Amino acid sequence: MIKKGRYRIKRYILNREHGSIFDEWLNMNSTYNIKKEEIDYLKQICVPKQTVFYVESIDELRIESCLSPHEVNFYEVTFEYS
């Protein structure tokens, strides 16, 4: 049972378009002899996409997601108020 009220939900999306260091590495044609500055660059650009939304809940909190192949979603749920 969860508390009745408003919840803030932050969704992190990691897929081939957002945050995939492997796909960016392949796009750089750096399959051999990757340099430190290229690794640093990949670390900077390969971050998951973030979205934030709010839902009201009475008895339950249900989050549904349709994932693409090789996609991962992470949800950070925070109670706002009742």
Protein backbone atom coordinates (compact mmCIF):
# COMPACT_ATOMS: atom_id res chain seq x y z
CA MET A 1 0.00 0.00 0.00
CA ILE A 2 1.31 3.43 -0.86
CA LYS A 3 0.42 6.86 0.47
CA LYS A 4 -2.37 8.75 -1.25
CA GLY A 5 -1.02 11.84 -2.98
CA ARG A 6 1.16 13.24 -5.69
CA TYR A 7 4.34 11.52 -6.86
CA ARG A 8 7.22 12.90 -8.91
CA ILE A 9 8.62 10.33 -11.28
CA LYS A 10 11.96 10.78 -12.97
CA ARG A 11 12.60 8.36 -15.81
CA TYR A 12 16.07 7.57 -17.13
CA ILE A 13 16.18 6.01 -20.59
CA LEU A 14 19.23 4.14 -21.83
CA ASN A 15 19.00 2.86 -25.40
CA ARG A 16 20.79 3.03 -28.74
CA GLU A 17 19.82 6.71 -29.20
CA HIS A 18 20.44 7.87 -25.63
CA GLY A 19 23.48 6.93 -23.62
CA SER A 20 24.80 3.94 -25.54
CA ILE A 21 28.56 4.25 -25.32
CA PHE A 22 28.93 1.18 -27.51
CA ASP A 23 26.98 2.69 -30.42
CA GLU A 24 28.85 6.00 -30.17
CA TRP A 25 32.16 4.13 -30.08
CA LEU A 26 31.21 2.31 -33.29
CA ASN A 27 30.13 5.60 -34.91
CA MET A 28 33.57 7.05 -34.18
CA ASN A 29 35.23 4.19 -36.12
CA SER A 30 37.50 3.77 -33.11
CA THR A 31 37.27 0.03 -32.79
CA TYR A 32 41.06 -0.10 -32.58
CA ASN A 33 43.47 2.01 -30.58
CA ILE A 34 41.00 4.34 -28.85
CA LYS A 35 42.70 7.31 -27.19
CA LYS A 36 42.10 8.75 -23.71
CA GLU A 37 40.57 11.97 -25.09
CA GLU A 38 38.08 9.89 -27.09
CA ILE A 39 37.15 7.95 -23.96
CA ASP A 40 36.67 11.24 -22.09
CA TYR A 41 34.46 12.51 -24.92
CA LEU A 42 32.34 9.35 -24.84
CA LYS A 43 31.91 9.68 -21.07
CA GLN A 44 30.59 13.22 -21.55
CA ILE A 45 28.06 12.52 -24.30
CA CYS A 46 26.82 9.07 -23.30
CA VAL A 47 24.25 9.89 -20.65
CA PRO A 48 20.73 8.53 -20.33
CA LYS A 49 17.81 10.69 -21.42
CA GLN A 50 15.81 12.06 -18.48
CA THR A 51 12.12 12.93 -18.29
CA VAL A 52 10.05 14.03 -15.30
CA PHE A 53 6.32 13.65 -14.80
CA TYR A 54 3.82 13.70 -11.95
CA VAL A 55 0.99 11.32 -11.07
CA GLU A 56 -1.76 11.32 -8.46
CA SER A 57 -2.27 8.09 -6.58
CA ILE A 58 -5.06 6.83 -4.33
CA ASP A 59 -4.46 3.09 -3.73
CA GLU A 60 -1.67 2.10 -6.07
CA LEU A 61 1.05 3.52 -8.26
CA ARG A 62 1.36 1.86 -11.63
CA ILE A 63 4.01 2.70 -14.19
CA GLU A 64 3.97 1.03 -17.57
CA SER A 65 6.67 1.24 -20.17
CA CYS A 66 7.14 -0.16 -23.66
CA LEU A 67 10.83 -0.87 -24.18
CA SER A 68 12.75 -1.09 -27.44
CA PRO A 69 15.24 -3.92 -27.93
CA HIS A 70 18.30 -3.43 -25.67
CA GLU A 71 16.60 -0.56 -23.79
CA VAL A 72 16.69 -0.03 -20.04
CA ASN A 73 14.49 2.31 -18.00
CA PHE A 74 15.12 3.37 -14.43
CA TYR A 75 12.44 5.16 -12.42
CA GLU A 76 13.11 7.39 -9.43
CA VAL A 77 9.84 7.85 -7.52
CA THR A 78 9.46 10.58 -4.91
CA PHE A 79 6.39 11.31 -2.79
CA GLU A 80 5.47 15.02 -3.09
CA TYR A 81 2.43 15.56 -0.87
CA SER A 82 -1.04 14.28 -0.01
